[in-house]
Amino acid sequence: MPTPYRSTPIFDEVTLPAALRAEHRTKVGVWGLVRVLEGQLKLTYLAPRSETIVTPTTPTVIHPEQPHFAEPLGPMRMQVDFYHEDPGG
């Protein structure tokens, strides 16, 4: 697995920024790996539309320029790692 070039701070259900709760996307050539440390996070992809529940055992990859938004499902802690190549393989 490649090494992330940057990571967000660890956010919880209170500190998760409004920008991550609203539609946003990664930049060209940037993958995000959403890791939930505790609890659950609903991640909604907008193109194509789908939803996934991210848990401590199911990290989720966001592809370059893929529109999405995040919604905490109760108490949780999460972080996003950023890569210049697909961390999913």
PDB file of N, CA and C in Angstrom:
ATOM      1  N   MET A   1       0.853  -1.182   0.000  1.00  0.00           N
ATOM      2  CA  MET A   1       0.000   0.000   0.000  1.00  0.00           C
ATOM      3  C   MET A   1       0.896   1.241   0.000  1.00  0.00           C
ATOM      4  N   PRO A   2       0.564   2.225  -0.821  1.00  0.00           N
ATOM      5  CA  PRO A   2       1.376   3.457  -0.863  1.00  0.00           C
ATOM      6  C   PRO A   2       1.267   4.237   0.452  1.00  0.00           C
ATOM      7  N   THR A   3       2.163   5.173   0.620  1.00  0.00           N
ATOM      8  CA  THR A   3       2.179   6.027   1.800  1.00  0.00           C
ATOM      9  C   THR A   3       1.389   7.303   1.503  1.00  0.00           C
ATOM     10  N   PRO A   4       0.498   7.734   2.424  1.00  0.00           N
ATOM     11  CA  PRO A   4      -0.238   8.978   2.184  1.00  0.00           C
ATOM     12  C   PRO A   4       0.712  10.174   2.211  1.00  0.00           C
ATOM     13  N   TYR A   5       0.414  11.177   1.387  1.00  0.00           N
ATOM     14  CA  TYR A   5       1.242  12.386   1.397  1.00  0.00           C
ATOM     15  C   TYR A   5       0.687  13.405   2.377  1.00  0.00           C
ATOM     16  N   ARG A   6      -0.563  13.204   2.809  1.00  0.00           N
ATOM     17  CA  ARG A   6      -1.175  14.119   3.775  1.00  0.00           C
ATOM     18  C   ARG A   6      -2.365  13.433   4.417  1.00  0.00           C
ATOM     19  N   SER A   7      -2.670  13.821   5.648  1.00  0.00           N
ATOM     20  CA  SER A   7      -3.851  13.311   6.352  1.00  0.00           C
ATOM     21  C   SER A   7      -4.563  14.471   7.033  1.00  0.00           C
ATOM     22  N   THR A   8      -5.872  14.352   7.148  1.00  0.00           N
ATOM     23  CA  THR A   8      -6.635  15.358   7.889  1.00  0.00           C
ATOM     24  C   THR A   8      -6.406  15.132   9.382  1.00  0.00           C
ATOM     25  N   PRO A   9      -6.797  16.115  10.198  1.00  0.00           N
ATOM     26  CA  PRO A   9      -6.877  15.835  11.640  1.00  0.00           C
ATOM     27  C   PRO A   9      -7.935  14.757  11.868  1.00  0.00           C
ATOM     28  N   ILE A  10      -7.984  14.225  13.060  1.00  0.00           N
ATOM     29  CA  ILE A  10      -9.053  13.291  13.421  1.00  0.00           C
ATOM     30  C   ILE A  10     -10.272  14.122  13.802  1.00  0.00           C
ATOM     31  N   PHE A  11     -11.394  13.842  13.135  1.00  0.00           N
ATOM     32  CA  PHE A  11     -12.645  14.552  13.385  1.00  0.00           C
ATOM     33  C   PHE A  11     -13.612  13.632  14.121  1.00  0.00           C
ATOM     34  N   ASP A  12     -14.506  14.232  14.901  1.00  0.00           N
ATOM     35  CA  ASP A  12     -15.605  13.469  15.487  1.00  0.00           C
ATOM     36  C   ASP A  12     -16.924  14.028  14.960  1.00  0.00           C
ATOM     37  N   GLU A  13     -18.040  13.537  15.502  1.00  0.00           N
ATOM     38  CA  GLU A  13     -19.346  13.950  14.983  1.00  0.00           C
ATOM     39  C   GLU A  13     -19.615  15.436  15.192  1.00  0.00           C
ATOM     40  N   VAL A  14     -18.897  16.080  16.112  1.00  0.00           N
ATOM     41  CA  VAL A  14     -19.071  17.514  16.363  1.00  0.00           C
ATOM     42  C   VAL A  14     -18.105  18.333  15.512  1.00  0.00           C
ATOM     43  N   THR A  15     -16.852  17.876  15.402  1.00  0.00           N
ATOM     44  CA  THR A  15     -15.816  18.664  14.726  1.00  0.00           C
ATOM     45  C   THR A  15     -15.718  18.408  13.224  1.00  0.00           C
ATOM     46  N   LEU A  16     -16.483  17.438  12.692  1.00  0.00           N
ATOM     47  CA  LEU A  16     -16.453  17.190  11.248  1.00  0.00           C
ATOM     48  C   LEU A  16     -16.861  18.477  10.532  1.00  0.00           C
ATOM     49  N   PRO A  17     -15.976  19.056   9.708  1.00  0.00           N
ATOM     50  CA  PRO A  17     -16.262  20.347   9.089  1.00  0.00           C
ATOM     51  C   PRO A  17     -17.484  20.319   8.169  1.00  0.00           C
ATOM     52  N   ALA A  18     -18.170  21.464   8.114  1.00  0.00           N
ATOM     53  CA  ALA A  18     -19.330  21.608   7.231  1.00  0.00           C
ATOM     54  C   ALA A  18     -18.952  21.315   5.784  1.00  0.00           C
ATOM     55  N   ALA A  19     -17.716  21.642   5.388  1.00  0.00           N
ATOM     56  CA  ALA A  19     -17.285  21.400   4.005  1.00  0.00           C
ATOM     57  C   ALA A  19     -17.287  19.918   3.669  1.00  0.00           C
ATOM     58  N   LEU A  20     -17.033  19.046   4.649  1.00  0.00           N
ATOM     59  CA  LEU A  20     -17.045  17.602   4.389  1.00  0.00           C
ATOM     60  C   LEU A  20     -18.463  17.042   4.435  1.00  0.00           C
ATOM     61  N   ARG A  21     -19.358  17.762   5.090  1.00  0.00           N
ATOM     62  CA  ARG A  21     -20.765  17.347   5.164  1.00  0.00           C
ATOM     63  C   ARG A  21     -21.536  17.761   3.917  1.00  0.00           C
ATOM     64  N   ALA A  22     -20.985  18.689   3.145  1.00  0.00           N
ATOM     65  CA  ALA A  22     -21.597  19.167   1.907  1.00  0.00           C
ATOM     66  C   ALA A  22     -20.872  18.535   0.719  1.00  0.00           C
ATOM     67  N   GLU A  23     -21.447  18.643  -0.460  1.00  0.00           N
ATOM     68  CA  GLU A  23     -20.818  18.077  -1.650  1.00  0.00           C
ATOM     69  C   GLU A  23     -19.427  18.680  -1.853  1.00  0.00           C
ATOM     70  N   HIS A  24     -18.450  17.810  -2.038  1.00  0.00           N
ATOM     71  CA  HIS A  24     -17.079  18.223  -2.347  1.00  0.00           C
ATOM     72  C   HIS A  24     -16.409  17.091  -3.103  1.00  0.00           C
ATOM     73  N   ARG A  25     -15.181  17.291  -3.532  1.00  0.00           N
ATOM     74  CA  ARG A  25     -14.465  16.261  -4.285  1.00  0.00           C
ATOM     75  C   ARG A  25     -12.971  16.432  -4.072  1.00  0.00           C
ATOM     76  N   THR A  26     -12.242  15.348  -4.346  1.00  0.00           N
ATOM     77  CA  THR A  26     -10.788  15.433  -4.310  1.00  0.00           C
ATOM     78  C   THR A  26     -10.310  16.061  -5.616  1.00  0.00           C
ATOM     79  N   LYS A  27      -9.048  16.458  -5.619  1.00  0.00           N
ATOM     80  CA  LYS A  27      -8.465  17.095  -6.803  1.00  0.00           C
ATOM     81  C   LYS A  27      -8.090  16.049  -7.857  1.00  0.00           C
ATOM     82  N   VAL A  28      -7.706  16.525  -9.023  1.00  0.00           N
ATOM     83  CA  VAL A  28      -7.223  15.662 -10.094  1.00  0.00           C
ATOM     84  C   VAL A  28      -6.012  14.877  -9.566  1.00  0.00           C
ATOM     85  N   GLY A  29      -6.012  13.564  -9.769  1.00  0.00           N
ATOM     86  CA  GLY A  29      -4.876  12.738  -9.379  1.00  0.00           C
ATOM     87  C   GLY A  29      -4.744  12.493  -7.888  1.00  0.00           C
ATOM     88  N   VAL A  30      -5.801  12.749  -7.116  1.00  0.00           N
ATOM     89  CA  VAL A  30      -5.749  12.550  -5.661  1.00  0.00           C
ATOM     90  C   VAL A  30      -6.845  11.576  -5.232  1.00  0.00           C
ATOM     91  N   TRP A  31      -6.428  10.525  -4.538  1.00  0.00           N
ATOM     92  CA  TRP A  31      -7.350   9.559  -3.937  1.00  0.00           C
ATOM     93  C   TRP A  31      -7.441   9.865  -2.449  1.00  0.00           C
ATOM     94  N   GLY A  32      -8.611   9.653  -1.878  1.00  0.00           N
ATOM     95  CA  GLY A  32      -8.788   9.773  -0.435  1.00  0.00           C
ATOM     96  C   GLY A  32      -9.148   8.417   0.131  1.00  0.00           C
ATOM     97  N   LEU A  33      -8.584   8.102   1.292  1.00  0.00           N
ATOM     98  CA  LEU A  33      -8.950   6.877   1.999  1.00  0.00           C
ATOM     99  C   LEU A  33      -9.611   7.306   3.299  1.00  0.00           C
ATOM    100  N   VAL A  34     -10.919   7.080   3.397  1.00  0.00           N
ATOM    101  CA  VAL A  34     -11.680   7.456   4.584  1.00  0.00           C
ATOM    102  C   VAL A  34     -11.556   6.315   5.587  1.00  0.00           C
ATOM    103  N   ARG A  35     -11.025   6.653   6.768  1.00  0.00           N
ATOM    104  CA  ARG A  35     -10.853   5.660   7.828  1.00  0.00           C
ATOM    105  C   ARG A  35     -11.658   6.091   9.044  1.00  0.00           C
ATOM    106  N   VAL A  36     -12.562   5.246   9.485  1.00  0.00           N
ATOM    107  CA  VAL A  36     -13.319   5.495  10.712  1.00  0.00           C
ATOM    108  C   VAL A  36     -12.603   4.748  11.829  1.00  0.00           C
ATOM    109  N   LEU A  37     -12.268   5.479  12.882  1.00  0.00           N
ATOM    110  CA  LEU A  37     -11.545   4.896  14.017  1.00  0.00           C
ATOM    111  C   LEU A  37     -12.511   4.340  15.064  1.00  0.00           C
ATOM    112  N   GLU A  38     -13.661   5.001  15.195  1.00  0.00           N
ATOM    113  CA  GLU A  38     -14.716   4.560  16.115  1.00  0.00           C
ATOM    114  C   GLU A  38     -16.054   4.972  15.523  1.00  0.00           C
ATOM    115  N   GLY A  39     -17.069   4.127  15.685  1.00  0.00           N
ATOM    116  CA  GLY A  39     -18.411   4.469  15.229  1.00  0.00           C
ATOM    117  C   GLY A  39     -18.620   4.206  13.750  1.00  0.00           C
ATOM    118  N   GLN A  40     -19.520   5.002  13.138  1.00  0.00           N
ATOM    119  CA  GLN A  40     -19.888   4.823  11.738  1.00  0.00           C
ATOM    120  C   GLN A  40     -20.075   6.171  11.058  1.00  0.00           C
ATOM    121  N   LEU A  41     -19.785   6.177   9.763  1.00  0.00           N
ATOM    122  CA  LEU A  41     -19.936   7.370   8.930  1.00  0.00           C
ATOM    123  C   LEU A  41     -20.624   6.947   7.642  1.00  0.00           C
ATOM    124  N   LYS A  42     -21.671   7.654   7.248  1.00  0.00           N
ATOM    125  CA  LYS A  42     -22.307   7.375   5.954  1.00  0.00           C
ATOM    126  C   LYS A  42     -21.635   8.259   4.910  1.00  0.00           C
ATOM    127  N   LEU A  43     -21.131   7.632   3.856  1.00  0.00           N
ATOM    128  CA  LEU A  43     -20.494   8.344   2.758  1.00  0.00           C
ATOM    129  C   LEU A  43     -21.393   8.192   1.539  1.00  0.00           C
ATOM    130  N   THR A  44     -21.815   9.321   0.985  1.00  0.00           N
ATOM    131  CA  THR A  44     -22.692   9.319  -0.190  1.00  0.00           C
ATOM    132  C   THR A  44     -21.896   9.803  -1.389  1.00  0.00           C
ATOM    133  N   TYR A  45     -21.818   8.953  -2.409  1.00  0.00           N
ATOM    134  CA  TYR A  45     -21.173   9.303  -3.677  1.00  0.00           C
ATOM    135  C   TYR A  45     -22.274   9.831  -4.593  1.00  0.00           C
ATOM    136  N   LEU A  46     -21.969  10.862  -5.358  1.00  0.00           N
ATOM    137  CA  LEU A  46     -22.997  11.485  -6.197  1.00  0.00           C
ATOM    138  C   LEU A  46     -22.910  11.112  -7.665  1.00  0.00           C
ATOM    139  N   ALA A  47     -21.770  10.574  -8.126  1.00  0.00           N
ATOM    140  CA  ALA A  47     -21.638  10.224  -9.542  1.00  0.00           C
ATOM    141  C   ALA A  47     -20.749   8.994  -9.693  1.00  0.00           C
ATOM    142  N   PRO A  48     -21.298   7.819  -9.872  1.00  0.00           N
ATOM    143  CA  PRO A  48     -22.727   7.501  -9.809  1.00  0.00           C
ATOM    144  C   PRO A  48     -23.204   7.495  -8.354  1.00  0.00           C
ATOM    145  N   ARG A  49     -24.484   7.720  -8.138  1.00  0.00           N
ATOM    146  CA  ARG A  49     -25.021   7.838  -6.783  1.00  0.00           C
ATOM    147  C   ARG A  49     -25.029   6.481  -6.092  1.00  0.00           C
ATOM    148  N   SER A  50     -24.422   6.470  -4.899  1.00  0.00           N
ATOM    149  CA  SER A  50     -24.445   5.287  -4.052  1.00  0.00           C
ATOM    150  C   SER A  50     -24.091   5.723  -2.640  1.00  0.00           C
ATOM    151  N   GLU A  51     -24.372   4.862  -1.693  1.00  0.00           N
ATOM    152  CA  GLU A  51     -24.047   5.138  -0.297  1.00  0.00           C
ATOM    153  C   GLU A  51     -23.295   3.949   0.274  1.00  0.00           C
ATOM    154  N   THR A  52     -22.414   4.244   1.221  1.00  0.00           N
ATOM    155  CA  THR A  52     -21.721   3.190   1.932  1.00  0.00           C
ATOM    156  C   THR A  52     -21.574   3.612   3.387  1.00  0.00           C
ATOM    157  N   ILE A  53     -21.575   2.644   4.261  1.00  0.00           N
ATOM    158  CA  ILE A  53     -21.353   2.902   5.678  1.00  0.00           C
ATOM    159  C   ILE A  53     -19.898   2.531   5.968  1.00  0.00           C
ATOM    160  N   VAL A  54     -19.139   3.513   6.416  1.00  0.00           N
ATOM    161  CA  VAL A  54     -17.721   3.302   6.720  1.00  0.00           C
ATOM    162  C   VAL A  54     -17.604   3.009   8.210  1.00  0.00           C
ATOM    163  N   THR A  55     -16.899   1.930   8.536  1.00  0.00           N
ATOM    164  CA  THR A  55     -16.689   1.501   9.924  1.00  0.00           C
ATOM    165  C   THR A  55     -15.199   1.273  10.138  1.00  0.00           C
ATOM    166  N   PRO A  56     -14.791   0.995  11.368  1.00  0.00           N
ATOM    167  CA  PRO A  56     -13.358   0.726  11.596  1.00  0.00           C
ATOM    168  C   PRO A  56     -12.799  -0.444  10.778  1.00  0.00           C
ATOM    169  N   THR A  57     -13.651  -1.366  10.369  1.00  0.00           N
ATOM    170  CA  THR A  57     -13.162  -2.515   9.596  1.00  0.00           C
ATOM    171  C   THR A  57     -13.381  -2.368   8.095  1.00  0.00           C
ATOM    172  N   THR A  58     -14.010  -1.245   7.666  1.00  0.00           N
ATOM    173  CA  THR A  58     -14.290  -1.061   6.240  1.00  0.00           C
ATOM    174  C   THR A  58     -13.891   0.337   5.762  1.00  0.00           C
ATOM    175  N   PRO A  59     -12.583   0.625   5.670  1.00  0.00           N
ATOM    176  CA  PRO A  59     -12.189   1.919   5.097  1.00  0.00           C
ATOM    177  C   PRO A  59     -12.670   2.001   3.649  1.00  0.00           C
ATOM    178  N   THR A  60     -12.830   3.213   3.148  1.00  0.00           N
ATOM    179  CA  THR A  60     -13.402   3.408   1.818  1.00  0.00           C
ATOM    180  C   THR A  60     -12.566   4.379   1.004  1.00  0.00           C
ATOM    181  N   VAL A  61     -12.347   4.038  -0.272  1.00  0.00           N
ATOM    182  CA  VAL A  61     -11.563   4.877  -1.177  1.00  0.00           C
ATOM    183  C   VAL A  61     -12.472   5.852  -1.917  1.00  0.00           C
ATOM    184  N   ILE A  62     -12.009   7.093  -2.011  1.00  0.00           N
ATOM    185  CA  ILE A  62     -12.657   8.108  -2.840  1.00  0.00           C
ATOM    186  C   ILE A  62     -11.725   8.369  -4.016  1.00  0.00           C
ATOM    187  N   HIS A  63     -12.242   8.261  -5.224  1.00  0.00           N
ATOM    188  CA  HIS A  63     -11.438   8.422  -6.428  1.00  0.00           C
ATOM    189  C   HIS A  63     -11.268   9.902  -6.781  1.00  0.00           C
ATOM    190  N   PRO A  64     -10.252  10.221  -7.566  1.00  0.00           N
ATOM    191  CA  PRO A  64     -10.031  11.616  -7.948  1.00  0.00           C
ATOM    192  C   PRO A  64     -11.288  12.250  -8.550  1.00  0.00           C
ATOM    193  N   GLU A  65     -11.593  13.448  -8.079  1.00  0.00           N
ATOM    194  CA  GLU A  65     -12.701  14.260  -8.576  1.00  0.00           C
ATOM    195  C   GLU A  65     -14.082  13.631  -8.382  1.00  0.00           C
ATOM    196  N   GLN A  66     -14.204  12.614  -7.531  1.00  0.00           N
ATOM    197  CA  GLN A  66     -15.492  11.952  -7.313  1.00  0.00           C
ATOM    198  C   GLN A  66     -16.315  12.764  -6.305  1.00  0.00           C
ATOM    199  N   PRO A  67     -17.451  13.339  -6.720  1.00  0.00           N
ATOM    200  CA  PRO A  67     -18.254  14.139  -5.794  1.00  0.00           C
ATOM    201  C   PRO A  67     -18.879  13.256  -4.712  1.00  0.00           C
ATOM    202  N   HIS A  68     -18.844  13.755  -3.484  1.00  0.00           N
ATOM    203  CA  HIS A  68     -19.338  12.982  -2.348  1.00  0.00           C
ATOM    204  C   HIS A  68     -19.577  13.910  -1.160  1.00  0.00           C
ATOM    205  N   PHE A  69     -20.224  13.370  -0.126  1.00  0.00           N
ATOM    206  CA  PHE A  69     -20.334  14.061   1.152  1.00  0.00           C
ATOM    207  C   PHE A  69     -20.449  13.028   2.264  1.00  0.00           C
ATOM    208  N   ALA A  70     -20.155  13.477   3.500  1.00  0.00           N
ATOM    209  CA  ALA A  70     -20.098  12.579   4.654  1.00  0.00           C
ATOM    210  C   ALA A  70     -21.135  12.981   5.688  1.00  0.00           C
ATOM    211  N   GLU A  71     -21.667  11.970   6.386  1.00  0.00           N
ATOM    212  CA  GLU A  71     -22.648  12.208   7.442  1.00  0.00           C
ATOM    213  C   GLU A  71     -22.351  11.261   8.613  1.00  0.00           C
ATOM    214  N   PRO A  72     -22.031  11.809   9.790  1.00  0.00           N
ATOM    215  CA  PRO A  72     -21.815  10.939  10.952  1.00  0.00           C
ATOM    216  C   PRO A  72     -23.104  10.207  11.316  1.00  0.00           C
ATOM    217  N   LEU A  73     -22.957   8.966  11.735  1.00  0.00           N
ATOM    218  CA  LEU A  73     -24.101   8.188  12.223  1.00  0.00           C
ATOM    219  C   LEU A  73     -23.898   7.990  13.722  1.00  0.00           C
ATOM    220  N   GLY A  74     -24.147   9.042  14.472  1.00  0.00           N
ATOM    221  CA  GLY A  74     -23.923   9.000  15.919  1.00  0.00           C
ATOM    222  C   GLY A  74     -22.468   9.323  16.249  1.00  0.00           C
ATOM    223  N   PRO A  75     -22.060   9.029  17.477  1.00  0.00           N
ATOM    224  CA  PRO A  75     -20.685   9.310  17.883  1.00  0.00           C
ATOM    225  C   PRO A  75     -19.696   8.549  17.003  1.00  0.00           C
ATOM    226  N   MET A  76     -18.657   9.246  16.546  1.00  0.00           N
ATOM    227  CA  MET A  76     -17.659   8.608  15.688  1.00  0.00           C
ATOM    228  C   MET A  76     -16.383   9.432  15.709  1.00  0.00           C
ATOM    229  N   ARG A  77     -15.306   8.811  15.252  1.00  0.00           N
ATOM    230  CA  ARG A  77     -14.026   9.474  15.017  1.00  0.00           C
ATOM    231  C   ARG A  77     -13.519   8.991  13.674  1.00  0.00           C
ATOM    232  N   MET A  78     -13.044   9.910  12.818  1.00  0.00           N
ATOM    233  CA  MET A  78     -12.603   9.535  11.476  1.00  0.00           C
ATOM    234  C   MET A  78     -11.460  10.424  11.020  1.00  0.00           C
ATOM    235  N   GLN A  79     -10.785   9.959   9.969  1.00  0.00           N
ATOM    236  CA  GLN A  79      -9.672  10.675   9.371  1.00  0.00           C
ATOM    237  C   GLN A  79      -9.620  10.305   7.891  1.00  0.00           C
ATOM    238  N   VAL A  80      -9.100  11.221   7.073  1.00  0.00           N
ATOM    239  CA  VAL A  80      -8.926  10.949   5.645  1.00  0.00           C
ATOM    240  C   VAL A  80      -7.442  11.055   5.324  1.00  0.00           C
ATOM    241  N   ASP A  81      -6.915  10.026   4.663  1.00  0.00           N
ATOM    242  CA  ASP A  81      -5.538  10.032   4.154  1.00  0.00           C
ATOM    243  C   ASP A  81      -5.603  10.295   2.653  1.00  0.00           C
ATOM    244  N   PHE A  82      -4.645  11.090   2.149  1.00  0.00           N
ATOM    245  CA  PHE A  82      -4.621  11.447   0.727  1.00  0.00           C
ATOM    246  C   PHE A  82      -3.400  10.841   0.046  1.00  0.00           C
ATOM    247  N   TYR A  83      -3.617  10.325  -1.169  1.00  0.00           N
ATOM    248  CA  TYR A  83      -2.596   9.610  -1.929  1.00  0.00           C
ATOM    249  C   TYR A  83      -2.516  10.136  -3.363  1.00  0.00           C
ATOM    250  N   HIS A  84      -1.347   9.961  -3.971  1.00  0.00           N
ATOM    251  CA  HIS A  84      -1.167  10.289  -5.396  1.00  0.00           C
ATOM    252  C   HIS A  84      -1.378   9.052  -6.277  1.00  0.00           C
ATOM    253  N   GLU A  85      -1.695   7.920  -5.674  1.00  0.00           N
ATOM    254  CA  GLU A  85      -2.041   6.697  -6.409  1.00  0.00           C
ATOM    255  C   GLU A  85      -3.113   5.981  -5.631  1.00  0.00           C
ATOM    256  N   ASP A  86      -3.811   5.069  -6.277  1.00  0.00           N
ATOM    257  CA  ASP A  86      -4.937   4.369  -5.671  1.00  0.00           C
ATOM    258  C   ASP A  86      -4.464   3.526  -4.484  1.00  0.00           C
ATOM    259  N   PRO A  87      -4.912   3.850  -3.251  1.00  0.00           N
ATOM    260  CA  PRO A  87      -4.483   3.077  -2.099  1.00  0.00           C
ATOM    261  C   PRO A  87      -5.188   1.728  -2.010  1.00  0.00           C
ATOM    262  N   GLY A  88      -6.215   1.523  -2.820  1.00  0.00           N
ATOM    263  CA  GLY A  88      -6.947   0.277  -2.819  1.00  0.00           C
ATOM    264  C   GLY A  88      -6.322  -0.799  -3.691  1.00  0.00           C
ATOM    265  N   GLY A  89      -5.247  -0.456  -4.362  1.00  0.00           N
ATOM    266  CA  GLY A  89      -4.585  -1.455  -5.164  1.00  0.00           C
ATOM    267  C   GLY A  89      -4.652  -1.123  -6.609  1.00  0.00           C
TER     268      GLY A  89
END
